């Protein structure tokens, strides 16, 4: 799937206002990939084709942003160079897609959620035996600190083609282990028949 870019990027690249880009999109000149996002190369090609047609027919309206053919060619080359740099950055691993980032953070947030939902189960039996509020607070604080320390060991890396889909958690020795997929929370009560 080709990368898409927001309206602002297309506006800057083509030196057009957001409204003008939207008008050209409605006219079918600049193809829209999804709501508010455009593929870079088709957008540039569509606009260049539009400018070529207008220069041949002389169809110029008042308020149009007229660009010379050389300027349009320069913009196209600049856009293609930026696209090539972006692709190279992706290959080198210095850029991560939005989908990968979302997937990574979903995993991290799931681990945080699971860890904190397990705190009451893990600490309730210990706290229940204490009568002193200060000791209860210390036990809970230490439990939260231990959970946060464990969560800080999660290694966040984008998935590569050869990596597995399991959650990987970094151990202190630098290796990683697959995250467990055990259910969290209370068991559901069976319905009485």
N, C-alpha and C. Protein backbone atom coordinates (compact mmCIF):
# COMPACT_ATOMS: atom_id res chain seq x y z
N UNK A 1 0.86 -1.19 0.00
CA UNK A 1 0.00 0.00 0.00
C UNK A 1 0.89 1.24 0.00
N UNK A 2 0.59 2.19 -0.86
CA UNK A 2 1.39 3.40 -0.97
C UNK A 2 1.13 4.30 0.23
N UNK A 3 2.18 5.01 0.62
CA UNK A 3 2.07 5.93 1.75
C UNK A 3 1.20 7.11 1.36
N UNK A 4 0.41 7.57 2.31
CA UNK A 4 -0.43 8.74 2.07
C UNK A 4 0.07 9.88 2.93
N UNK A 5 -0.26 11.10 2.51
CA UNK A 5 0.21 12.29 3.20
C UNK A 5 -0.97 13.21 3.47
N UNK A 6 -0.88 14.00 4.55
CA UNK A 6 -1.99 14.90 4.88
C UNK A 6 -2.09 16.05 3.89
N UNK A 7 -3.22 16.72 3.94
CA UNK A 7 -3.51 17.85 3.05
C UNK A 7 -2.42 18.91 3.13
N UNK A 8 -1.93 19.21 4.34
CA UNK A 8 -0.90 20.25 4.51
C UNK A 8 0.34 19.96 3.69
N UNK A 9 0.75 18.70 3.65
CA UNK A 9 1.95 18.32 2.90
C UNK A 9 1.75 18.57 1.41
N UNK A 10 0.59 18.17 0.90
CA UNK A 10 0.29 18.37 -0.52
C UNK A 10 0.22 19.86 -0.84
N UNK A 11 -0.37 20.64 0.07
CA UNK A 11 -0.45 22.09 -0.14
C UNK A 11 0.93 22.72 -0.24
N UNK A 12 1.81 22.34 0.68
CA UNK A 12 3.17 22.89 0.66
C UNK A 12 3.91 22.47 -0.60
N UNK A 13 3.76 21.22 -0.96
CA UNK A 13 4.47 20.68 -2.11
C UNK A 13 4.02 21.34 -3.41
N UNK A 14 2.73 21.53 -3.59
CA UNK A 14 2.20 22.10 -4.83
C UNK A 14 2.04 23.62 -4.75
N UNK A 15 2.33 24.19 -3.59
CA UNK A 15 2.20 25.64 -3.37
C UNK A 15 0.77 26.10 -3.66
N UNK A 16 -0.17 25.36 -3.08
CA UNK A 16 -1.59 25.67 -3.25
C UNK A 16 -2.24 25.80 -1.88
N UNK A 17 -3.36 26.48 -1.84
CA UNK A 17 -4.12 26.58 -0.59
C UNK A 17 -4.86 25.27 -0.36
N UNK A 18 -5.20 24.98 0.90
CA UNK A 18 -5.98 23.76 1.17
C UNK A 18 -7.29 23.72 0.38
N UNK A 19 -7.94 24.86 0.26
CA UNK A 19 -9.21 24.91 -0.47
C UNK A 19 -9.01 24.56 -1.94
N UNK A 20 -7.91 25.07 -2.53
CA UNK A 20 -7.66 24.79 -3.95
C UNK A 20 -7.36 23.31 -4.16
N UNK A 21 -6.60 22.70 -3.24
CA UNK A 21 -6.31 21.26 -3.36
C UNK A 21 -7.61 20.47 -3.27
N UNK A 22 -8.49 20.87 -2.37
CA UNK A 22 -9.77 20.18 -2.23
C UNK A 22 -10.62 20.35 -3.48
N UNK A 23 -10.59 21.55 -4.09
CA UNK A 23 -11.34 21.78 -5.33
C UNK A 23 -10.81 20.87 -6.44
N UNK A 24 -9.49 20.83 -6.57
CA UNK A 24 -8.88 20.00 -7.61
C UNK A 24 -9.17 18.52 -7.35
N UNK A 25 -9.27 18.15 -6.10
CA UNK A 25 -9.61 16.77 -5.76
C UNK A 25 -11.05 16.45 -6.17
N UNK A 26 -11.96 17.39 -5.90
CA UNK A 26 -13.36 17.20 -6.30
C UNK A 26 -13.50 17.09 -7.81
N UNK A 27 -12.66 17.84 -8.53
CA UNK A 27 -12.69 17.81 -9.99
C UNK A 27 -12.00 16.57 -10.55
N UNK A 28 -11.38 15.77 -9.67
CA UNK A 28 -10.72 14.54 -10.12
C UNK A 28 -9.31 14.75 -10.63
N UNK A 29 -8.77 15.92 -10.42
CA UNK A 29 -7.42 16.23 -10.91
C UNK A 29 -6.38 15.66 -9.95
N UNK A 30 -6.59 15.88 -8.67
CA UNK A 30 -5.71 15.32 -7.64
C UNK A 30 -6.47 14.20 -6.96
N UNK A 31 -6.02 12.95 -7.16
CA UNK A 31 -6.76 11.82 -6.56
C UNK A 31 -6.57 11.77 -5.05
N UNK A 32 -7.66 11.49 -4.37
CA UNK A 32 -7.63 11.39 -2.91
C UNK A 32 -7.59 9.91 -2.54
N UNK A 33 -6.64 9.52 -1.67
CA UNK A 33 -6.52 8.12 -1.26
C UNK A 33 -7.56 7.78 -0.19
N UNK A 34 -7.70 8.65 0.78
CA UNK A 34 -8.67 8.46 1.86
C UNK A 34 -9.00 9.83 2.40
N UNK A 35 -9.87 9.90 3.35
CA UNK A 35 -10.33 11.20 3.85
C UNK A 35 -9.17 12.06 4.36
N UNK A 36 -8.95 13.17 3.68
CA UNK A 36 -7.93 14.13 4.10
C UNK A 36 -6.51 13.69 3.82
N UNK A 37 -6.30 12.60 3.11
CA UNK A 37 -4.95 12.10 2.84
C UNK A 37 -4.80 11.80 1.35
N UNK A 38 -3.60 12.02 0.84
CA UNK A 38 -3.34 11.88 -0.58
C UNK A 38 -2.04 11.12 -0.79
N UNK A 39 -1.99 10.36 -1.87
CA UNK A 39 -0.73 9.73 -2.27
C UNK A 39 0.08 10.81 -2.97
N UNK A 40 1.36 10.86 -2.68
CA UNK A 40 2.21 11.94 -3.15
C UNK A 40 2.38 11.94 -4.67
N UNK A 41 2.83 10.84 -5.23
CA UNK A 41 3.15 10.81 -6.66
C UNK A 41 1.89 11.03 -7.52
N UNK A 42 0.77 10.33 -7.27
CA UNK A 42 -0.42 10.60 -8.08
C UNK A 42 -0.91 12.05 -7.97
N UNK A 43 -0.77 12.64 -6.78
CA UNK A 43 -1.21 14.03 -6.61
C UNK A 43 -0.36 14.96 -7.46
N UNK A 44 0.96 14.76 -7.43
CA UNK A 44 1.86 15.62 -8.20
C UNK A 44 1.64 15.40 -9.70
N UNK A 45 1.53 14.14 -10.10
CA UNK A 45 1.31 13.85 -11.52
C UNK A 45 -0.02 14.42 -12.01
N UNK A 46 -1.05 14.29 -11.21
CA UNK A 46 -2.36 14.83 -11.59
C UNK A 46 -2.31 16.33 -11.76
N UNK A 47 -1.62 17.01 -10.86
CA UNK A 47 -1.53 18.47 -10.93
C UNK A 47 -0.69 18.89 -12.13
N UNK A 48 0.40 18.18 -12.39
CA UNK A 48 1.24 18.52 -13.54
C UNK A 48 0.47 18.30 -14.85
N UNK A 49 -0.26 17.20 -14.92
CA UNK A 49 -1.07 16.94 -16.11
C UNK A 49 -2.11 18.04 -16.31
N UNK A 50 -2.73 18.46 -15.23
CA UNK A 50 -3.71 19.55 -15.26
C UNK A 50 -3.07 20.84 -15.77
N UNK A 51 -1.85 21.15 -15.28
CA UNK A 51 -1.17 22.37 -15.72
C UNK A 51 -0.78 22.29 -17.20
N UNK A 52 -0.36 21.11 -17.64
CA UNK A 52 0.00 20.94 -19.06
C UNK A 52 -1.22 21.19 -19.94
N UNK A 53 -2.36 20.60 -19.57
CA UNK A 53 -3.58 20.78 -20.35
C UNK A 53 -3.99 22.25 -20.41
N UNK A 54 -3.87 22.92 -19.29
CA UNK A 54 -4.27 24.33 -19.23
C UNK A 54 -3.33 25.19 -20.07
N UNK A 55 -2.04 24.85 -20.07
CA UNK A 55 -1.10 25.66 -20.85
C UNK A 55 -1.33 25.48 -22.35
N UNK A 56 -1.79 24.28 -22.74
CA UNK A 56 -2.07 24.02 -24.15
C UNK A 56 -3.37 24.71 -24.57
N UNK A 57 -4.39 24.60 -23.76
CA UNK A 57 -5.71 25.17 -24.11
C UNK A 57 -5.84 26.63 -23.74
N UNK A 58 -4.96 27.11 -22.88
CA UNK A 58 -5.03 28.50 -22.44
C UNK A 58 -6.17 28.75 -21.49
N UNK A 59 -6.68 27.71 -20.85
CA UNK A 59 -7.81 27.80 -19.92
C UNK A 59 -7.32 28.28 -18.56
N UNK A 60 -7.24 29.60 -18.40
CA UNK A 60 -6.76 30.19 -17.15
C UNK A 60 -7.88 31.00 -16.53
N UNK A 61 -8.14 30.71 -15.26
CA UNK A 61 -9.19 31.44 -14.55
C UNK A 61 -8.53 32.46 -13.62
N UNK A 62 -9.27 33.50 -13.30
CA UNK A 62 -8.76 34.51 -12.38
C UNK A 62 -8.58 33.87 -11.00
N UNK A 63 -7.45 34.15 -10.38
CA UNK A 63 -7.17 33.61 -9.05
C UNK A 63 -6.44 32.28 -9.08
N UNK A 64 -6.27 31.70 -10.29
CA UNK A 64 -5.51 30.45 -10.39
C UNK A 64 -4.05 30.72 -10.10
N UNK A 65 -3.43 29.78 -9.51
CA UNK A 65 -2.01 29.87 -9.19
C UNK A 65 -1.25 29.27 -10.38
N UNK A 66 -0.80 30.11 -11.29
CA UNK A 66 -0.15 29.66 -12.51
C UNK A 66 1.31 29.34 -12.21
N UNK A 67 1.72 28.16 -12.69
CA UNK A 67 3.10 27.71 -12.48
C UNK A 67 3.65 27.34 -13.85
N UNK A 68 4.88 27.73 -14.09
CA UNK A 68 5.50 27.40 -15.37
C UNK A 68 5.78 25.90 -15.45
N UNK A 69 5.97 25.44 -16.66
CA UNK A 69 6.26 24.02 -16.86
C UNK A 69 7.56 23.64 -16.15
N UNK A 70 8.57 24.51 -16.22
CA UNK A 70 9.85 24.22 -15.54
C UNK A 70 9.66 24.15 -14.03
N UNK A 71 8.83 25.04 -13.49
CA UNK A 71 8.55 25.02 -12.04
C UNK A 71 7.80 23.74 -11.66
N UNK A 72 6.85 23.36 -12.49
CA UNK A 72 6.10 22.13 -12.23
C UNK A 72 7.03 20.92 -12.29
N UNK A 73 7.93 20.90 -13.25
CA UNK A 73 8.90 19.80 -13.37
C UNK A 73 9.81 19.77 -12.14
N UNK A 74 10.25 20.96 -11.69
CA UNK A 74 11.10 21.03 -10.49
C UNK A 74 10.36 20.50 -9.28
N UNK A 75 9.10 20.86 -9.14
CA UNK A 75 8.30 20.38 -8.01
C UNK A 75 8.13 18.87 -8.07
N UNK A 76 7.91 18.37 -9.28
CA UNK A 76 7.75 16.93 -9.44
C UNK A 76 9.04 16.21 -9.04
N UNK A 77 10.16 16.69 -9.51
CA UNK A 77 11.45 16.07 -9.16
C UNK A 77 11.71 16.15 -7.66
N UNK A 78 11.37 17.28 -7.06
CA UNK A 78 11.54 17.43 -5.62
C UNK A 78 10.66 16.44 -4.87
N UNK A 79 9.41 16.31 -5.31
CA UNK A 79 8.49 15.37 -4.66
C UNK A 79 8.99 13.94 -4.80
N UNK A 80 9.45 13.58 -5.99
CA UNK A 80 9.96 12.22 -6.19
C UNK A 80 11.21 11.97 -5.35
N UNK A 81 12.08 12.99 -5.22
CA UNK A 81 13.28 12.84 -4.39
C UNK A 81 12.89 12.67 -2.92
N UNK A 82 11.91 13.45 -2.45
CA UNK A 82 11.45 13.32 -1.06
C UNK A 82 10.84 11.95 -0.82
N UNK A 83 10.09 11.46 -1.80
CA UNK A 83 9.49 10.14 -1.69
C UNK A 83 10.57 9.05 -1.64
N UNK A 84 11.60 9.19 -2.46
CA UNK A 84 12.71 8.22 -2.46
C UNK A 84 13.44 8.25 -1.12
N UNK A 85 13.65 9.44 -0.56
CA UNK A 85 14.30 9.57 0.75
C UNK A 85 13.45 8.92 1.83
N UNK A 86 12.14 9.10 1.76
CA UNK A 86 11.25 8.49 2.73
C UNK A 86 11.31 6.96 2.64
N UNK A 87 11.29 6.44 1.41
CA UNK A 87 11.39 4.99 1.22
C UNK A 87 12.73 4.46 1.75
N UNK A 88 13.81 5.19 1.51
CA UNK A 88 15.12 4.78 2.01
C UNK A 88 15.14 4.79 3.54
N UNK A 89 14.55 5.81 4.13
CA UNK A 89 14.48 5.88 5.60
C UNK A 89 13.71 4.70 6.17
N UNK A 90 12.63 4.30 5.50
CA UNK A 90 11.86 3.14 5.95
C UNK A 90 12.71 1.88 5.87
N UNK A 91 13.44 1.72 4.77
CA UNK A 91 14.29 0.55 4.61
C UNK A 91 15.40 0.51 5.66
N UNK A 92 15.93 1.66 6.03
CA UNK A 92 17.00 1.72 7.02
C UNK A 92 16.47 1.61 8.44
N UNK A 93 15.16 1.66 8.60
CA UNK A 93 14.56 1.52 9.91
C UNK A 93 14.54 2.80 10.72
N UNK A 94 14.82 3.94 10.10
CA UNK A 94 14.80 5.19 10.85
C UNK A 94 13.43 5.85 10.83
N UNK A 95 12.50 5.30 10.03
CA UNK A 95 11.13 5.78 9.98
C UNK A 95 10.21 4.59 10.18
N UNK A 96 9.19 4.78 10.98
CA UNK A 96 8.23 3.71 11.25
C UNK A 96 6.86 4.17 10.78
N UNK A 97 6.13 3.27 10.18
CA UNK A 97 4.80 3.64 9.68
C UNK A 97 3.85 3.88 10.85
N UNK A 98 2.80 4.59 10.57
CA UNK A 98 1.78 4.87 11.58
C UNK A 98 1.16 3.56 12.06
N UNK A 99 0.93 2.64 11.14
CA UNK A 99 0.34 1.35 11.52
C UNK A 99 1.24 0.59 12.48
N UNK A 100 2.56 0.57 12.19
CA UNK A 100 3.50 -0.13 13.09
C UNK A 100 3.54 0.53 14.46
N UNK A 101 3.57 1.86 14.47
CA UNK A 101 3.60 2.59 15.73
C UNK A 101 2.35 2.29 16.55
N UNK A 102 1.22 2.32 15.89
CA UNK A 102 -0.05 2.04 16.56
C UNK A 102 -0.04 0.62 17.13
N UNK A 103 0.47 -0.33 16.37
CA UNK A 103 0.52 -1.72 16.81
C UNK A 103 1.45 -1.88 18.01
N UNK A 104 2.61 -1.21 17.97
CA UNK A 104 3.56 -1.29 19.08
C UNK A 104 2.95 -0.71 20.36
N UNK A 105 2.34 0.46 20.25
CA UNK A 105 1.79 1.10 21.44
C UNK A 105 0.56 0.38 21.95
N UNK A 106 -0.18 -0.26 21.08
CA UNK A 106 -1.31 -1.07 21.53
C UNK A 106 -0.81 -2.21 22.41
N UNK A 107 0.30 -2.82 22.00
CA UNK A 107 0.91 -3.89 22.80
C UNK A 107 1.40 -3.39 24.15
N UNK A 108 2.04 -2.24 24.15
CA UNK A 108 2.54 -1.67 25.41
C UNK A 108 1.38 -1.34 26.34
N UNK A 109 0.37 -0.70 25.81
CA UNK A 109 -0.77 -0.32 26.65
C UNK A 109 -1.53 -1.54 27.16
N UNK A 110 -1.57 -2.60 26.37
CA UNK A 110 -2.20 -3.84 26.84
C UNK A 110 -1.41 -4.43 28.01
N UNK A 111 -0.07 -4.38 27.91
CA UNK A 111 0.77 -4.89 29.00
C UNK A 111 0.59 -4.04 30.27
N UNK A 112 0.52 -2.73 30.11
CA UNK A 112 0.31 -1.83 31.26
C UNK A 112 -1.04 -2.13 31.90
N UNK A 113 -2.05 -2.25 31.07
CA UNK A 113 -3.39 -2.54 31.58
C UNK A 113 -3.41 -3.86 32.35
N UNK A 114 -2.84 -4.89 31.77
CA UNK A 114 -2.82 -6.20 32.41
C UNK A 114 -2.08 -6.17 33.74
N UNK A 115 -0.96 -5.48 33.76
CA UNK A 115 -0.15 -5.41 34.98
C UNK A 115 -0.92 -4.70 36.09
N UNK A 116 -1.56 -3.59 35.77
CA UNK A 116 -2.28 -2.86 36.81
C UNK A 116 -3.57 -3.55 37.23
N UNK A 117 -4.22 -4.25 36.31
CA UNK A 117 -5.41 -5.00 36.70
C UNK A 117 -5.06 -6.19 37.60
N UNK A 118 -3.83 -6.67 37.51
CA UNK A 118 -3.42 -7.80 38.35
C UNK A 118 -3.00 -7.36 39.76
N UNK A 119 -2.76 -6.08 39.96
CA UNK A 119 -2.32 -5.60 41.29
C UNK A 119 -3.30 -5.93 42.41
N UNK A 120 -4.59 -5.67 42.27
CA UNK A 120 -5.50 -6.00 43.37
C UNK A 120 -5.47 -7.49 43.73
N UNK A 121 -5.43 -8.35 42.73
CA UNK A 121 -5.39 -9.79 42.99
C UNK A 121 -4.11 -10.17 43.72
N UNK A 122 -2.99 -9.61 43.28
CA UNK A 122 -1.69 -9.96 43.86
C UNK A 122 -1.49 -9.39 45.26
N UNK A 123 -2.05 -8.21 45.52
CA UNK A 123 -1.76 -7.54 46.79
C UNK A 123 -2.88 -7.63 47.82
N UNK A 124 -4.07 -8.02 47.42
CA UNK A 124 -5.20 -7.99 48.35
C UNK A 124 -4.99 -8.93 49.55
N UNK A 125 -4.43 -10.12 49.31
CA UNK A 125 -4.24 -11.05 50.43
C UNK A 125 -3.19 -10.52 51.41
N UNK A 126 -2.20 -9.81 50.91
CA UNK A 126 -1.15 -9.26 51.79
C UNK A 126 -1.70 -8.09 52.59
N UNK A 127 -2.42 -7.20 51.92
CA UNK A 127 -2.96 -6.00 52.57
C UNK A 127 -4.07 -6.37 53.56
N UNK A 128 -4.81 -7.42 53.27
CA UNK A 128 -5.93 -7.83 54.13
C UNK A 128 -5.48 -8.20 55.54
N UNK A 129 -4.26 -8.66 55.69
CA UNK A 129 -3.77 -9.07 57.01
C UNK A 129 -3.24 -7.91 57.83
N UNK A 130 -3.07 -6.76 57.22
CA UNK A 130 -2.51 -5.60 57.92
C UNK A 130 -3.62 -4.69 58.45
N UNK A 131 -3.41 -4.21 59.66
CA UNK A 131 -4.38 -3.30 60.27
C UNK A 131 -3.90 -1.86 60.16
N UNK A 132 -2.60 -1.68 60.03
CA UNK A 132 -2.01 -0.34 59.99
C UNK A 132 -2.10 0.24 58.57
N UNK A 133 -2.70 1.42 58.47
CA UNK A 133 -2.91 2.05 57.17
C UNK A 133 -1.59 2.40 56.49
N UNK A 134 -0.59 2.80 57.27
CA UNK A 134 0.71 3.17 56.71
C UNK A 134 1.38 1.95 56.07
N UNK A 135 1.28 0.80 56.73
CA UNK A 135 1.88 -0.43 56.18
C UNK A 135 1.14 -0.82 54.89
N UNK A 136 -0.18 -0.69 54.88
CA UNK A 136 -0.96 -1.00 53.67
C UNK A 136 -0.52 -0.10 52.51
N UNK A 137 -0.35 1.18 52.82
CA UNK A 137 0.07 2.14 51.79
C UNK A 137 1.45 1.76 51.26
N UNK A 138 2.38 1.39 52.14
CA UNK A 138 3.72 0.99 51.71
C UNK A 138 3.68 -0.25 50.83
N UNK A 139 2.86 -1.22 51.20
CA UNK A 139 2.73 -2.45 50.40
C UNK A 139 2.21 -2.11 49.00
N UNK A 140 1.18 -1.29 48.94
CA UNK A 140 0.60 -0.90 47.65
C UNK A 140 1.60 -0.09 46.82
N UNK A 141 2.31 0.83 47.47
CA UNK A 141 3.31 1.64 46.76
C UNK A 141 4.41 0.76 46.17
N UNK A 142 4.88 -0.20 46.97
CA UNK A 142 5.93 -1.11 46.48
C UNK A 142 5.41 -1.97 45.34
N UNK A 143 4.16 -2.39 45.42
CA UNK A 143 3.57 -3.17 44.33
C UNK A 143 3.48 -2.38 43.04
N UNK A 144 3.07 -1.11 43.15
CA UNK A 144 2.98 -0.25 41.97
C UNK A 144 4.38 0.01 41.40
N UNK A 145 5.35 0.28 42.28
CA UNK A 145 6.73 0.51 41.82
C UNK A 145 7.28 -0.72 41.12
N UNK A 146 7.02 -1.91 41.68
CA UNK A 146 7.50 -3.15 41.06
C UNK A 146 6.85 -3.33 39.68
N UNK A 147 5.56 -3.04 39.58
CA UNK A 147 4.87 -3.16 38.29
C UNK A 147 5.46 -2.18 37.27
N UNK A 148 5.70 -0.95 37.70
CA UNK A 148 6.26 0.05 36.80
C UNK A 148 7.68 -0.32 36.37
N UNK A 149 8.46 -0.88 37.30
CA UNK A 149 9.81 -1.32 36.96
C UNK A 149 9.76 -2.43 35.92
N UNK A 150 8.87 -3.38 36.12
CA UNK A 150 8.74 -4.47 35.15
C UNK A 150 8.28 -3.95 33.80
N UNK A 151 7.33 -3.01 33.80
CA UNK A 151 6.84 -2.45 32.54
C UNK A 151 7.91 -1.63 31.82
N UNK A 152 8.82 -1.03 32.57
CA UNK A 152 9.87 -0.25 31.93
C UNK A 152 10.84 -1.13 31.15
N UNK A 153 10.79 -2.43 31.37
CA UNK A 153 11.67 -3.36 30.67
C UNK A 153 11.11 -3.78 29.31
N UNK A 154 9.90 -3.35 28.99
CA UNK A 154 9.31 -3.71 27.70
C UNK A 154 10.11 -3.05 26.60
N UNK A 155 10.50 -3.84 25.63
CA UNK A 155 11.28 -3.34 24.50
C UNK A 155 10.32 -3.03 23.36
N UNK A 156 10.33 -1.80 22.91
CA UNK A 156 9.43 -1.39 21.84
C UNK A 156 10.23 -1.35 20.55
N UNK A 157 9.88 -2.25 19.64
CA UNK A 157 10.54 -2.29 18.33
C UNK A 157 9.50 -2.52 17.26
N UNK A 158 9.71 -1.91 16.09
CA UNK A 158 8.77 -2.18 15.00
C UNK A 158 8.94 -3.62 14.53
N UNK A 159 7.85 -4.20 14.06
CA UNK A 159 7.92 -5.56 13.54
C UNK A 159 8.62 -5.53 12.20
N UNK A 160 9.46 -6.53 11.98
CA UNK A 160 10.08 -6.71 10.68
C UNK A 160 9.44 -7.92 10.04
N UNK A 161 9.79 -8.18 8.80
CA UNK A 161 9.17 -9.29 8.08
C UNK A 161 9.49 -10.62 8.73
N UNK A 162 10.67 -10.73 9.38
CA UNK A 162 11.05 -12.01 9.97
C UNK A 162 10.72 -12.12 11.45
N UNK A 163 10.13 -11.08 12.05
CA UNK A 163 9.81 -11.16 13.48
C UNK A 163 8.44 -11.79 13.67
N UNK A 164 8.26 -12.39 14.82
CA UNK A 164 6.97 -13.02 15.11
C UNK A 164 6.01 -11.98 15.62
N UNK A 165 4.75 -12.36 15.71
CA UNK A 165 3.73 -11.39 16.12
C UNK A 165 3.54 -11.35 17.62
N UNK A 166 4.24 -12.17 18.39
CA UNK A 166 4.07 -12.18 19.84
C UNK A 166 4.65 -10.95 20.49
N UNK A 167 4.14 -10.60 21.66
CA UNK A 167 4.68 -9.48 22.41
C UNK A 167 6.03 -9.88 22.95
N UNK A 168 7.04 -9.05 22.76
CA UNK A 168 8.36 -9.36 23.26
C UNK A 168 8.66 -8.44 24.43
N UNK A 169 9.13 -9.02 25.50
CA UNK A 169 9.46 -8.25 26.68
C UNK A 169 10.93 -8.45 26.97
N UNK A 170 11.66 -7.37 27.17
CA UNK A 170 13.09 -7.46 27.41
C UNK A 170 13.36 -7.93 28.82
N UNK A 171 14.33 -8.83 28.95
CA UNK A 171 14.77 -9.27 30.27
C UNK A 171 16.00 -8.45 30.64
N UNK A 172 16.42 -8.58 31.88
CA UNK A 172 17.57 -7.80 32.34
C UNK A 172 18.86 -8.20 31.62
N UNK A 173 18.98 -9.45 31.16
CA UNK A 173 20.20 -9.89 30.49
C UNK A 173 20.25 -9.48 29.02
N UNK A 174 19.25 -8.72 28.54
CA UNK A 174 19.25 -8.21 27.18
C UNK A 174 18.49 -9.09 26.20
N UNK A 175 18.13 -10.30 26.59
CA UNK A 175 17.35 -11.16 25.70
C UNK A 175 15.89 -10.81 25.82
N UNK A 176 15.11 -11.36 24.92
CA UNK A 176 13.68 -11.09 25.00
C UNK A 176 12.93 -12.40 25.15
N UNK A 177 11.74 -12.29 25.70
CA UNK A 177 10.90 -13.46 25.88
C UNK A 177 9.52 -13.14 25.37
N UNK A 178 8.84 -14.12 24.88
CA UNK A 178 7.48 -13.90 24.40
C UNK A 178 6.58 -13.55 25.59
N UNK A 179 5.74 -12.53 25.43
CA UNK A 179 4.81 -12.15 26.49
C UNK A 179 3.73 -13.20 26.64
N UNK A 180 3.29 -13.45 27.85
CA UNK A 180 2.24 -14.45 28.03
C UNK A 180 0.90 -13.86 27.62
N UNK A 181 0.03 -14.69 27.19
CA UNK A 181 -1.28 -14.27 26.70
C UNK A 181 -2.36 -14.79 27.63
N UNK A 182 -2.11 -14.74 28.92
CA UNK A 182 -3.09 -15.24 29.87
C UNK A 182 -4.18 -14.20 30.06
N UNK A 183 -5.42 -14.65 30.27
CA UNK A 183 -6.50 -13.69 30.50
C UNK A 183 -6.28 -12.94 31.81
N UNK A 184 -6.75 -11.72 31.84
CA UNK A 184 -6.57 -10.87 33.02
C UNK A 184 -7.95 -10.56 33.59
N UNK A 185 -8.01 -10.48 34.90
CA UNK A 185 -9.27 -10.11 35.55
C UNK A 185 -9.96 -11.32 36.16
N UNK A 186 -11.17 -11.09 36.62
CA UNK A 186 -11.94 -12.15 37.27
C UNK A 186 -12.52 -13.10 36.24
N UNK A 187 -12.74 -14.31 36.69
CA UNK A 187 -13.40 -15.29 35.82
C UNK A 187 -14.88 -14.98 35.76
N UNK A 188 -15.45 -15.26 34.62
CA UNK A 188 -16.89 -15.03 34.46
C UNK A 188 -17.65 -16.09 35.25
N UNK A 189 -18.74 -15.67 35.88
CA UNK A 189 -19.58 -16.62 36.62
C UNK A 189 -20.40 -17.41 35.63
N UNK A 190 -20.52 -18.69 35.92
CA UNK A 190 -21.31 -19.55 35.04
C UNK A 190 -22.79 -19.28 35.33
N UNK A 191 -23.55 -19.25 34.26
CA UNK A 191 -24.98 -19.01 34.41
C UNK A 191 -25.65 -20.24 35.01
N UNK A 192 -26.53 -20.00 35.96
CA UNK A 192 -27.26 -21.11 36.58
C UNK A 192 -28.39 -21.53 35.66
N UNK A 193 -28.55 -22.87 35.53
CA UNK A 193 -29.60 -23.34 34.66
C UNK A 193 -30.86 -23.67 35.43
